[in-house]
Protein backbone atom coordinates (compact mmCIF):
# COMPACT_ATOMS: atom_id res chain seq x y z
CA UNK A 1 106.70 127.39 121.47
CA UNK A 2 106.69 129.04 118.08
CA UNK A 3 109.25 127.97 115.48
CA UNK A 4 109.25 131.50 114.08
CA UNK A 5 110.35 132.98 117.40
CA UNK A 6 113.70 131.17 117.23
CA UNK A 7 116.80 132.81 115.82
CA UNK A 8 118.98 131.23 113.17
CA UNK A 9 121.67 130.55 115.78
CA UNK A 10 119.14 128.80 118.04
CA UNK A 11 117.09 126.78 115.60
CA UNK A 12 119.47 123.86 114.94
CA UNK A 13 119.87 122.92 118.59
CA UNK A 14 116.22 123.59 119.38
CA UNK A 15 114.90 121.41 116.55
CA UNK A 16 117.32 118.48 116.87
CA UNK A 17 115.16 115.59 118.07
CA UNK A 18 112.18 117.89 118.69
CA UNK A 19 108.52 117.58 117.75
CA UNK A 20 107.47 120.18 115.18
CA UNK A 21 103.78 120.62 114.38
CA UNK A 22 102.63 122.19 111.11
CA UNK A 23 98.98 123.24 110.80
CA UNK A 24 97.76 123.32 107.20
CA UNK A 25 94.44 124.92 106.35
CA UNK A 26 92.61 126.94 103.76
CA UNK A 27 90.59 130.05 102.96
CA UNK A 28 87.18 129.26 101.56
CA UNK A 29 83.51 130.02 102.00
CA UNK A 30 81.75 128.44 104.96
CA UNK A 31 78.24 129.74 104.58
CA UNK A 32 76.88 133.06 105.86
CA UNK A 33 77.81 132.41 109.48
CA UNK A 34 81.47 131.32 109.52
CA UNK A 35 84.65 133.16 108.45
CA UNK A 36 86.70 132.19 105.42
CA UNK A 37 89.57 131.27 107.74
CA UNK A 38 87.92 128.41 109.63
CA UNK A 39 89.92 125.64 107.90
CA UNK A 40 93.05 127.49 109.05
CA UNK A 41 91.86 128.57 112.51
CA UNK A 42 90.96 125.07 113.71
CA UNK A 43 94.27 123.28 112.91
CA UNK A 44 96.28 126.24 114.25
CA UNK A 45 94.42 126.09 117.56
CA UNK A 46 94.83 122.32 117.70
CA UNK A 47 98.54 122.58 116.89
CA UNK A 48 99.22 124.98 119.75
CA UNK A 49 97.26 122.92 122.26
CA UNK A 50 98.92 119.66 121.19
CA UNK A 51 102.36 121.31 121.25
CA UNK A 52 101.77 122.47 124.82
CA UNK A 53 101.00 118.88 125.80
CA UNK A 54 103.97 117.21 124.08
CA UNK A 55 106.56 119.98 124.59
CA UNK A 56 106.70 120.69 120.87
CA UNK A 57 107.08 123.63 118.51
CA UNK A 58 104.53 125.03 116.07
CA UNK A 59 105.53 125.99 112.55
CA UNK A 60 103.56 129.00 111.19
CA UNK A 61 100.38 127.71 109.61
CA UNK A 62 99.82 127.33 105.88
CA UNK A 63 96.61 129.27 105.06
CA UNK A 64 96.16 128.56 101.32
CA UNK A 65 94.77 125.23 100.18
CA UNK A 66 93.92 123.03 97.26
CA UNK A 67 90.69 124.10 95.59
CA UNK A 68 87.36 123.30 97.12
CA UNK A 69 85.16 120.71 95.40
CA UNK A 70 81.41 121.04 94.93
CA UNK A 71 80.47 117.95 96.94
CA UNK A 72 82.68 118.68 99.95
CA UNK A 73 83.22 122.43 100.19
CA UNK A 74 80.73 123.97 97.85
CA UNK A 75 83.25 124.50 95.09
CA UNK A 76 84.16 127.86 93.62
CA UNK A 77 80.58 129.09 93.28
CA UNK A 78 80.93 131.45 96.24
CA UNK A 79 83.34 134.42 96.52
CA UNK A 80 86.31 134.54 98.84
CA UNK A 81 87.97 131.18 98.25
CA UNK A 82 91.76 131.35 97.73
CA UNK A 83 93.37 128.20 96.35
CA UNK A 84 96.29 126.64 94.51
CA UNK A 85 96.24 124.06 91.74
CA UNK A 86 96.92 120.57 93.03
CA UNK A 87 100.32 120.28 91.33
CA UNK A 88 101.39 123.68 92.66
CA UNK A 89 100.22 122.76 96.14
CA UNK A 90 102.17 119.50 96.15
CA UNK A 91 105.33 121.23 94.90
CA UNK A 92 104.99 123.98 97.48
CA UNK A 93 104.53 121.54 100.36
CA UNK A 94 107.38 119.34 99.13
CA UNK A 95 109.82 122.26 98.90
CA UNK A 96 108.84 123.54 102.34
CA UNK A 97 109.19 120.11 103.93
CA UNK A 98 112.57 119.50 102.31
CA UNK A 99 113.86 122.76 103.73
CA UNK A 100 113.28 121.33 107.22
CA UNK A 101 115.33 118.16 106.62
CA UNK A 102 118.73 119.63 107.67
CA UNK A 103 117.28 120.42 111.12
CA UNK A 104 117.18 116.72 112.13
CA UNK A 105 113.74 116.85 113.68
CA UNK A 106 112.70 114.04 115.93
CA UNK A 107 109.13 114.12 114.68
CA UNK A 108 107.01 116.12 112.27
CA UNK A 109 103.27 116.30 112.92
CA UNK A 110 101.02 117.75 110.21
CA UNK A 111 97.45 118.73 111.17
CA UNK A 112 95.19 119.38 108.19
CA UNK A 113 91.96 121.37 108.36
CA UNK A 114 90.77 121.46 104.72
CA UNK A 115 89.05 118.37 103.35
CA UNK A 116 90.49 118.54 99.83
CA UNK A 117 94.07 118.98 101.07
CA UNK A 118 94.47 115.50 102.45
CA UNK A 119 95.68 113.52 99.43
CA UNK A 120 98.02 116.33 98.35
CA UNK A 121 99.59 116.56 101.82
CA UNK A 122 100.18 112.81 101.92
CA UNK A 123 101.74 112.84 98.45
CA UNK A 124 104.10 115.70 99.36
CA UNK A 125 105.20 113.87 102.50
CA UNK A 126 105.87 110.76 100.44
CA UNK A 127 108.07 112.82 98.12
CA UNK A 128 110.43 113.92 100.87
CA UNK A 129 110.61 111.30 103.58
CA UNK A 130 113.78 111.73 105.58
CA UNK A 131 114.96 110.27 108.86
CA UNK A 132 112.37 112.06 110.98
CA UNK A 133 109.19 110.36 112.09
CA UNK A 134 106.09 111.75 110.41
CA UNK A 135 102.49 111.79 111.64
CA UNK A 136 99.94 113.49 109.39
CA UNK A 137 96.17 113.59 109.77
CA UNK A 138 93.08 115.66 109.16
CA UNK A 139 91.59 116.65 112.51
CA UNK A 140 88.27 114.89 111.83
CA UNK A 141 90.11 111.59 111.34
CA UNK A 142 90.73 111.60 115.09
CA UNK A 143 87.05 111.86 116.00
CA UNK A 144 85.85 108.47 117.20
CA UNK A 145 82.72 107.05 115.59
CA UNK A 146 81.18 106.55 119.04
CA UNK A 147 81.73 110.22 119.83
CA UNK A 148 79.99 111.26 116.61
CA UNK A 149 77.05 108.92 117.23
CA UNK A 150 76.56 110.35 120.72
CA UNK A 151 77.01 114.05 119.94
CA UNK A 152 75.96 114.59 116.30
CA UNK A 153 72.68 112.76 115.54
CA UNK A 154 72.02 112.28 111.84
CA UNK A 155 75.67 112.88 110.97
CA UNK A 156 75.97 113.15 107.14
CA UNK A 157 79.63 112.12 106.82
CA UNK A 158 82.69 114.33 106.99
CA UNK A 159 82.58 115.19 103.30
CA UNK A 160 79.23 116.92 103.88
CA UNK A 161 79.93 118.36 107.31
CA UNK A 162 81.27 121.50 105.63
CA UNK A 163 80.11 124.56 107.63
CA UNK A 164 77.91 122.20 109.65
CA UNK A 165 77.42 121.42 113.32
CA UNK A 166 80.99 120.41 114.14
CA UNK A 167 82.79 123.29 112.43
CA UNK A 168 80.26 125.81 113.71
CA UNK A 169 80.61 124.48 117.26
CA UNK A 170 84.40 124.51 117.13
CA UNK A 171 84.41 128.14 116.04
CA UNK A 172 81.83 129.07 118.68
CA UNK A 173 84.33 127.69 121.20
CA UNK A 174 87.55 128.99 119.64
CA UNK A 175 86.55 132.32 118.11
CA UNK A 176 82.96 133.17 119.06
CA UNK A 177 83.42 136.80 118.05
CA UNK A 178 83.61 135.90 114.34
CA UNK A 179 80.61 133.55 114.24
CA UNK A 180 77.52 135.24 112.79
CA UNK A 181 74.01 134.49 114.10
CA UNK A 182 72.66 132.73 110.98
CA UNK A 183 72.14 128.96 111.39
CA UNK A 184 71.15 127.59 107.98
CA UNK A 185 70.29 123.95 107.46
CA UNK A 186 70.52 121.91 104.25
CA UNK A 187 68.20 118.93 104.31
CA UNK A 188 69.77 116.89 101.49
CA UNK A 189 73.54 116.61 102.05
CA UNK A 190 75.51 115.53 98.97
CA UNK A 191 76.87 112.02 98.57
CA UNK A 192 80.61 111.43 98.86
CA UNK A 193 82.86 110.81 95.88
CA UNK A 194 80.66 112.31 93.17
CA UNK A 195 81.73 115.23 90.96
CA UNK A 196 79.06 117.17 89.07
CA UNK A 197 79.62 119.89 86.49
CA UNK A 198 77.95 122.26 85.97
CA UNK A 199 76.77 122.47 89.55
CA UNK A 200 73.43 123.75 90.78
CA UNK A 201 74.74 125.54 93.87
CA UNK A 202 71.27 126.10 95.32
CA UNK A 203 70.45 122.42 95.09
CA UNK A 204 73.83 121.36 96.47
CA UNK A 205 73.82 123.64 99.52
CA UNK A 206 71.98 126.26 101.54
CA UNK A 207 74.05 129.42 101.14
CA UNK A 208 77.17 127.26 101.09
CA UNK A 209 76.19 124.96 103.98
CA UNK A 210 76.14 121.31 102.94
CA UNK A 211 74.36 119.83 105.98
CA UNK A 212 72.93 121.23 109.22
CA UNK A 213 74.07 123.92 111.65
CA UNK A 214 71.17 123.73 114.11
CA UNK A 215 72.31 122.17 117.34
CA UNK A 216 75.75 123.77 117.25
CA UNK A 217 77.06 125.15 120.54
CA UNK A 218 80.23 126.37 122.17
CA UNK A 219 80.00 123.52 124.68
CA UNK A 220 79.89 120.94 121.89
CA UNK A 221 82.85 122.68 120.24
CA UNK A 222 84.83 122.56 123.49
CA UNK A 223 84.17 118.84 123.90
CA UNK A 224 85.11 118.14 120.30
CA UNK A 225 88.28 120.22 120.47
CA UNK A 226 89.59 118.42 123.54
CA UNK A 227 88.52 115.04 122.16
CA UNK A 228 90.70 115.62 119.10
CA UNK A 229 93.60 116.98 121.19
CA UNK A 230 93.49 113.98 123.53
CA UNK A 231 93.53 111.55 120.61
CA UNK A 232 96.37 113.40 118.89
CA UNK A 233 98.47 113.36 122.04
CA UNK A 234 97.74 109.66 122.52
CA UNK A 235 98.90 108.95 118.96
CA UNK A 236 102.12 110.88 119.43
CA UNK A 237 102.96 109.48 122.84
CA UNK A 238 102.13 105.88 121.89
CA UNK A 239 104.15 105.88 118.69
CA UNK A 240 101.00 106.58 116.67
CA UNK A 241 99.35 103.43 117.95
CA UNK A 242 101.00 101.55 115.10
CA UNK A 243 103.76 99.69 116.87
C-alpha cells in the first residue's frame, strides 16, 4: 500500500497505529555495469516486499543521498553522483520526519541503501523522536555473517562491497534489464575508515568497482533479497529482537 495513493481525508485514519516504511537511497556511480539508481532501487524493492508481509504502507523513496566517500563509494571522481551536504541532508530528513508526527503512526521503519547515509539518518531520527516506534537499518546490516561466509567467499567488508557481488546480484534479480554485461574485478579492496585526499581513483577502484563482481548471479540476488526481507520481518514482528 502506497502512502502517496491516500487522500488527505483518508490519511489520518489509515496511518493511526500503522507501520510506515521509508526507503532512503542515493544516486551515484556503481561502475560500468550498474545504474546510478541502485542505492535507491534496492531499498524501495525491500520496502514494498516487507510492507506486503507486515500489512504496512510505503512512503515514496528518498533518492538523493549524502555524498559518496572514496573508500566506500568511489567518491566524486566519477560523473553522475547527486548528493547533499551532510548538514542539509540531516535537516531535510528531520523536517520530513517531523511532518509525519501528527499522523500518530504505530511504527516507522527506515530502510537505507546508501552506505554514507547511515549516520545522518540516525542523527535525524534522534532529532525528532516522537511517540511512534522507530526501526532504522541499512539493508546489509540484516545479512547474517554465516550467510556471507557461505555465499560470498573472500568477502571484503560492506564498506568495499560497493558495486560488487552482492549489489550486482541483487540488481540482476530485481532489474536485470538495466544491468550491463561488464563484470570488472578490483583485486585490492580499500580498508575501512580511512580517508585519502587527493585520491588515485585508478588505484582505489576498477572503473568505480571497489571489490569483485565475478560470481554475481540473479539466483544469488534472489536468495539475498529474501534473506534480508525475512530478517526485517522478524525484527518488526518480534519487537526488533530487543525486548
